[in-house]
Amino acid sequence: MYKLVIFIFISTAVFAQTEEATLAVRGNCGMCKARIEKAAIKTKGVKYAVWQAQNEELTVLLNPSKTSVAQLAENISAVGHEANGVVVDKTIYDALPLCCQYVMGETMENDDPKCSVH
Protein backbone atom coordinates (compact mmCIF):
# COMPACT_ATOMS: atom_id res chain seq x y z
CA MET A 1 0.00 0.00 0.00
CA TYR A 2 2.85 2.35 0.89
CA LYS A 3 4.43 1.89 -2.58
CA LEU A 4 1.08 2.59 -4.25
CA VAL A 5 0.70 5.90 -2.39
CA ILE A 6 4.23 6.97 -3.40
CA PHE A 7 3.59 5.98 -7.03
CA ILE A 8 0.33 7.98 -7.13
CA PHE A 9 2.05 10.99 -5.56
CA ILE A 10 4.94 10.89 -8.04
CA SER A 11 2.60 10.34 -11.00
CA THR A 12 0.43 13.27 -9.94
CA ALA A 13 3.48 15.52 -9.53
CA VAL A 14 4.79 14.61 -13.00
CA PHE A 15 1.46 15.19 -14.77
CA ALA A 16 0.80 18.40 -12.84
CA GLN A 17 3.87 19.89 -14.54
CA THR A 18 2.61 19.18 -18.05
CA GLU A 19 0.28 21.06 -20.32
CA GLU A 20 -1.38 20.16 -23.59
CA ALA A 21 -0.56 22.16 -26.71
CA THR A 22 -1.58 21.93 -30.34
CA LEU A 23 0.64 22.99 -33.23
CA ALA A 24 -0.13 23.34 -36.91
CA VAL A 25 2.37 21.06 -38.69
CA ARG A 26 2.47 20.56 -42.47
CA GLY A 27 2.82 17.03 -43.82
CA ASN A 28 1.12 14.37 -45.93
CA CYS A 29 1.78 10.73 -45.19
CA GLY A 30 2.74 8.02 -42.74
CA MET A 31 6.43 8.82 -43.10
CA CYS A 32 5.65 12.45 -42.23
CA LYS A 33 3.74 11.30 -39.14
CA ALA A 34 6.68 9.20 -37.94
CA ARG A 35 9.20 11.99 -38.58
CA ILE A 36 7.08 14.70 -36.91
CA GLU A 37 6.25 12.64 -33.83
CA LYS A 38 9.87 11.50 -33.44
CA ALA A 39 11.14 15.09 -33.57
CA ALA A 40 8.53 16.10 -31.00
CA ILE A 41 9.28 13.25 -28.59
CA LYS A 42 13.05 13.88 -28.86
CA THR A 43 12.43 17.43 -27.59
CA LYS A 44 13.31 17.55 -23.90
CA GLY A 45 10.16 17.99 -21.84
CA VAL A 46 7.73 16.49 -24.36
CA LYS A 47 5.91 13.50 -22.86
CA TYR A 48 3.44 12.64 -25.65
CA ALA A 49 2.98 13.57 -29.31
CA VAL A 50 0.40 12.58 -31.93
CA TRP A 51 0.14 14.14 -35.41
CA GLN A 52 -3.06 13.88 -37.44
CA ALA A 53 -2.72 14.19 -41.21
CA GLN A 54 -6.38 15.07 -41.76
CA ASN A 55 -6.10 18.45 -40.04
CA GLU A 56 -2.29 18.75 -39.96
CA GLU A 57 -2.28 19.15 -36.18
CA LEU A 58 0.22 17.90 -33.63
CA THR A 59 -1.05 17.45 -30.08
CA VAL A 60 1.58 17.26 -27.36
CA LEU A 61 1.93 17.07 -23.62
CA LEU A 62 4.93 19.09 -22.56
CA ASN A 63 6.59 20.42 -19.46
CA PRO A 64 6.75 24.22 -19.95
CA SER A 65 9.67 24.49 -17.54
CA LYS A 66 11.77 22.30 -19.89
CA THR A 67 10.63 23.44 -23.35
CA SER A 68 8.28 25.77 -25.16
CA VAL A 69 5.93 25.48 -28.11
CA ALA A 70 8.32 27.78 -30.02
CA GLN A 71 11.28 25.45 -29.35
CA LEU A 72 9.20 22.45 -30.34
CA ALA A 73 8.22 24.15 -33.61
CA GLU A 74 11.91 24.85 -34.34
CA ASN A 75 12.82 21.18 -33.74
CA ILE A 76 10.07 19.97 -36.07
CA SER A 77 11.06 22.52 -38.70
CA ALA A 78 14.63 21.17 -38.51
CA VAL A 79 13.41 17.79 -39.82
CA GLY A 80 11.53 19.30 -42.77
CA HIS A 81 8.03 20.19 -41.61
CA GLU A 82 6.67 23.69 -41.25
CA ALA A 83 5.37 24.02 -37.69
CA ASN A 84 3.38 26.96 -36.35
CA GLY A 85 4.67 29.07 -39.23
CA VAL A 86 8.38 28.27 -38.68
CA VAL A 87 9.67 27.97 -42.24
CA VAL A 88 11.80 24.98 -43.21
CA ASP A 89 15.24 25.43 -44.75
CA LYS A 90 14.91 24.72 -48.50
CA THR A 91 17.76 22.20 -48.47
CA ILE A 92 16.08 20.16 -45.74
CA TYR A 93 12.68 20.36 -47.46
CA ASP A 94 14.10 19.31 -50.83
CA ALA A 95 15.68 16.23 -49.21
CA LEU A 96 12.27 14.93 -48.07
CA PRO A 97 10.77 12.05 -50.09
CA LEU A 98 8.37 13.33 -52.77
CA CYS A 99 5.32 12.10 -50.88
CA CYS A 100 6.36 14.22 -47.89
CA GLN A 101 6.69 17.44 -49.85
CA TYR A 102 3.57 19.40 -48.97
CA VAL A 103 3.80 22.31 -51.42
CA MET A 104 0.42 24.02 -51.66
CA GLY A 105 -0.94 21.39 -49.28
CA GLU A 106 -1.11 18.78 -52.04
CA THR A 107 0.29 15.27 -51.76
CA MET A 108 2.95 14.43 -54.32
CA GLU A 109 2.53 11.03 -55.97
CA ASN A 110 5.00 8.27 -55.09
CA ASP A 111 4.93 4.48 -55.51
CA ASP A 112 6.58 3.85 -52.14
CA PRO A 113 4.05 1.99 -49.90
CA LYS A 114 5.43 3.85 -46.85
CA CYS A 115 4.08 7.02 -48.44
CA SER A 116 0.43 6.08 -48.06
CA VAL A 117 -1.58 9.18 -47.35
CA HIS A 118 -3.00 9.40 -43.83
C-alpha atoms as a PDB file:
ATOM      1  CA  MET A   1       0.000   0.000   0.000  1.00  0.00           C
ATOM      2  CA  TYR A   2       2.848   2.354   0.886  1.00  0.00           C
ATOM      3  CA  LYS A   3       4.428   1.895  -2.576  1.00  0.00           C
ATOM      4  CA  LEU A   4       1.082   2.590  -4.254  1.00  0.00           C
ATOM      5  CA  VAL A   5       0.697   5.898  -2.390  1.00  0.00           C
ATOM      6  CA  ILE A   6       4.225   6.971  -3.398  1.00  0.00           C
ATOM      7  CA  PHE A   7       3.586   5.979  -7.030  1.00  0.00           C
ATOM      8  CA  ILE A   8       0.331   7.980  -7.133  1.00  0.00           C
ATOM      9  CA  PHE A   9       2.051  10.990  -5.557  1.00  0.00           C
ATOM     10  CA  ILE A  10       4.945  10.894  -8.038  1.00  0.00           C
ATOM     11  CA  SER A  11       2.595  10.344 -11.002  1.00  0.00           C
ATOM     12  CA  THR A  12       0.432  13.273  -9.936  1.00  0.00           C
ATOM     13  CA  ALA A  13       3.481  15.516  -9.532  1.00  0.00           C
ATOM     14  CA  VAL A  14       4.790  14.609 -13.000  1.00  0.00           C
ATOM     15  CA  PHE A  15       1.461  15.187 -14.770  1.00  0.00           C
ATOM     16  CA  ALA A  16       0.804  18.400 -12.838  1.00  0.00           C
ATOM     17  CA  GLN A  17       3.867  19.893 -14.544  1.00  0.00           C
ATOM     18  CA  THR A  18       2.608  19.178 -18.050  1.00  0.00           C
ATOM     19  CA  GLU A  19       0.279  21.058 -20.321  1.00  0.00           C
ATOM     20  CA  GLU A  20      -1.379  20.162 -23.590  1.00  0.00           C
ATOM     21  CA  ALA A  21      -0.555  22.164 -26.709  1.00  0.00           C
ATOM     22  CA  THR A  22      -1.578  21.934 -30.341  1.00  0.00           C
ATOM     23  CA  LEU A  23       0.638  22.990 -33.226  1.00  0.00           C
ATOM     24  CA  ALA A  24      -0.130  23.344 -36.914  1.00  0.00           C
ATOM     25  CA  VAL A  25       2.367  21.065 -38.687  1.00  0.00           C
ATOM     26  CA  ARG A  26       2.475  20.561 -42.470  1.00  0.00           C
ATOM     27  CA  GLY A  27       2.818  17.034 -43.822  1.00  0.00           C
ATOM     28  CA  ASN A  28       1.123  14.374 -45.927  1.00  0.00           C
ATOM     29  CA  CYS A  29       1.778  10.735 -45.191  1.00  0.00           C
ATOM     30  CA  GLY A  30       2.740   8.021 -42.743  1.00  0.00           C
ATOM     31  CA  MET A  31       6.426   8.818 -43.101  1.00  0.00           C
ATOM     32  CA  CYS A  32       5.648  12.453 -42.228  1.00  0.00           C
ATOM     33  CA  LYS A  33       3.744  11.302 -39.143  1.00  0.00           C
ATOM     34  CA  ALA A  34       6.678   9.204 -37.938  1.00  0.00           C
ATOM     35  CA  ARG A  35       9.203  11.995 -38.579  1.00  0.00           C
ATOM     36  CA  ILE A  36       7.079  14.702 -36.911  1.00  0.00           C
ATOM     37  CA  GLU A  37       6.250  12.639 -33.829  1.00  0.00           C
ATOM     38  CA  LYS A  38       9.870  11.501 -33.436  1.00  0.00           C
ATOM     39  CA  ALA A  39      11.140  15.094 -33.567  1.00  0.00           C
ATOM     40  CA  ALA A  40       8.534  16.097 -30.996  1.00  0.00           C
ATOM     41  CA  ILE A  41       9.283  13.246 -28.586  1.00  0.00           C
ATOM     42  CA  LYS A  42      13.047  13.881 -28.862  1.00  0.00           C
ATOM     43  CA  THR A  43      12.427  17.426 -27.594  1.00  0.00           C
ATOM     44  CA  LYS A  44      13.313  17.553 -23.905  1.00  0.00           C
ATOM     45  CA  GLY A  45      10.157  17.994 -21.837  1.00  0.00           C
ATOM     46  CA  VAL A  46       7.726  16.488 -24.358  1.00  0.00           C
ATOM     47  CA  LYS A  47       5.914  13.503 -22.865  1.00  0.00           C
ATOM     48  CA  TYR A  48       3.440  12.642 -25.653  1.00  0.00           C
ATOM     49  CA  ALA A  49       2.976  13.569 -29.309  1.00  0.00           C
ATOM     50  CA  VAL A  50       0.397  12.584 -31.925  1.00  0.00           C
ATOM     51  CA  TRP A  51       0.145  14.138 -35.406  1.00  0.00           C
ATOM     52  CA  GLN A  52      -3.056  13.880 -37.440  1.00  0.00           C
ATOM     53  CA  ALA A  53      -2.719  14.186 -41.211  1.00  0.00           C
ATOM     54  CA  GLN A  54      -6.379  15.070 -41.757  1.00  0.00           C
ATOM     55  CA  ASN A  55      -6.097  18.447 -40.039  1.00  0.00           C
ATOM     56  CA  GLU A  56      -2.290  18.748 -39.963  1.00  0.00           C
ATOM     57  CA  GLU A  57      -2.277  19.153 -36.179  1.00  0.00           C
ATOM     58  CA  LEU A  58       0.218  17.902 -33.632  1.00  0.00           C
ATOM     59  CA  THR A  59      -1.051  17.451 -30.083  1.00  0.00           C
ATOM     60  CA  VAL A  60       1.582  17.255 -27.364  1.00  0.00           C
ATOM     61  CA  LEU A  61       1.926  17.070 -23.617  1.00  0.00           C
ATOM     62  CA  LEU A  62       4.930  19.092 -22.561  1.00  0.00           C
ATOM     63  CA  ASN A  63       6.586  20.424 -19.459  1.00  0.00           C
ATOM     64  CA  PRO A  64       6.752  24.217 -19.946  1.00  0.00           C
ATOM     65  CA  SER A  65       9.675  24.487 -17.535  1.00  0.00           C
ATOM     66  CA  LYS A  66      11.765  22.304 -19.885  1.00  0.00           C
ATOM     67  CA  THR A  67      10.634  23.435 -23.347  1.00  0.00           C
ATOM     68  CA  SER A  68       8.275  25.767 -25.159  1.00  0.00           C
ATOM     69  CA  VAL A  69       5.934  25.484 -28.112  1.00  0.00           C
ATOM     70  CA  ALA A  70       8.323  27.778 -30.016  1.00  0.00           C
ATOM     71  CA  GLN A  71      11.285  25.446 -29.351  1.00  0.00           C
ATOM     72  CA  LEU A  72       9.204  22.446 -30.340  1.00  0.00           C
ATOM     73  CA  ALA A  73       8.220  24.148 -33.610  1.00  0.00           C
ATOM     74  CA  GLU A  74      11.911  24.847 -34.336  1.00  0.00           C
ATOM     75  CA  ASN A  75      12.820  21.181 -33.739  1.00  0.00           C
ATOM     76  CA  ILE A  76      10.071  19.970 -36.066  1.00  0.00           C
ATOM     77  CA  SER A  77      11.061  22.518 -38.704  1.00  0.00           C
ATOM     78  CA  ALA A  78      14.629  21.170 -38.507  1.00  0.00           C
ATOM     79  CA  VAL A  79      13.413  17.792 -39.823  1.00  0.00           C
ATOM     80  CA  GLY A  80      11.534  19.296 -42.766  1.00  0.00           C
ATOM     81  CA  HIS A  81       8.033  20.185 -41.613  1.00  0.00           C
ATOM     82  CA  GLU A  82       6.666  23.692 -41.248  1.00  0.00           C
ATOM     83  CA  ALA A  83       5.366  24.019 -37.693  1.00  0.00           C
ATOM     84  CA  ASN A  84       3.375  26.960 -36.351  1.00  0.00           C
ATOM     85  CA  GLY A  85       4.670  29.071 -39.235  1.00  0.00           C
ATOM     86  CA  VAL A  86       8.377  28.269 -38.677  1.00  0.00           C
ATOM     87  CA  VAL A  87       9.672  27.966 -42.239  1.00  0.00           C
ATOM     88  CA  VAL A  88      11.805  24.980 -43.208  1.00  0.00           C
ATOM     89  CA  ASP A  89      15.241  25.426 -44.746  1.00  0.00           C
ATOM     90  CA  LYS A  90      14.906  24.722 -48.497  1.00  0.00           C
ATOM     91  CA  THR A  91      17.763  22.198 -48.474  1.00  0.00           C
ATOM     92  CA  ILE A  92      16.077  20.161 -45.742  1.00  0.00           C
ATOM     93  CA  TYR A  93      12.679  20.358 -47.459  1.00  0.00           C
ATOM     94  CA  ASP A  94      14.103  19.309 -50.833  1.00  0.00           C
ATOM     95  CA  ALA A  95      15.682  16.230 -49.207  1.00  0.00           C
ATOM     96  CA  LEU A  96      12.267  14.928 -48.073  1.00  0.00           C
ATOM     97  CA  PRO A  97      10.768  12.055 -50.087  1.00  0.00           C
ATOM     98  CA  LEU A  98       8.373  13.328 -52.772  1.00  0.00           C
ATOM     99  CA  CYS A  99       5.319  12.105 -50.883  1.00  0.00           C
ATOM    100  CA  CYS A 100       6.356  14.216 -47.885  1.00  0.00           C
ATOM    101  CA  GLN A 101       6.687  17.445 -49.852  1.00  0.00           C
ATOM    102  CA  TYR A 102       3.574  19.398 -48.968  1.00  0.00           C
ATOM    103  CA  VAL A 103       3.798  22.314 -51.416  1.00  0.00           C
ATOM    104  CA  MET A 104       0.417  24.024 -51.662  1.00  0.00           C
ATOM    105  CA  GLY A 105      -0.944  21.387 -49.276  1.00  0.00           C
ATOM    106  CA  GLU A 106      -1.113  18.778 -52.044  1.00  0.00           C
ATOM    107  CA  THR A 107       0.293  15.275 -51.758  1.00  0.00           C
ATOM    108  CA  MET A 108       2.945  14.434 -54.317  1.00  0.00           C
ATOM    109  CA  GLU A 109       2.534  11.028 -55.966  1.00  0.00           C
ATOM    110  CA  ASN A 110       4.998   8.274 -55.091  1.00  0.00           C
ATOM    111  CA  ASP A 111       4.926   4.479 -55.508  1.00  0.00           C
ATOM    112  CA  ASP A 112       6.581   3.852 -52.141  1.00  0.00           C
ATOM    113  CA  PRO A 113       4.051   1.989 -49.899  1.00  0.00           C
ATOM    114  CA  LYS A 114       5.429   3.847 -46.854  1.00  0.00           C
ATOM    115  CA  CYS A 115       4.082   7.019 -48.438  1.00  0.00           C
ATOM    116  CA  SER A 116       0.431   6.078 -48.063  1.00  0.00           C
ATOM    117  CA  VAL A 117      -1.576   9.185 -47.355  1.00  0.00           C
ATOM    118  CA  HIS A 118      -3.002   9.396 -43.835  1.00  0.00           C
END
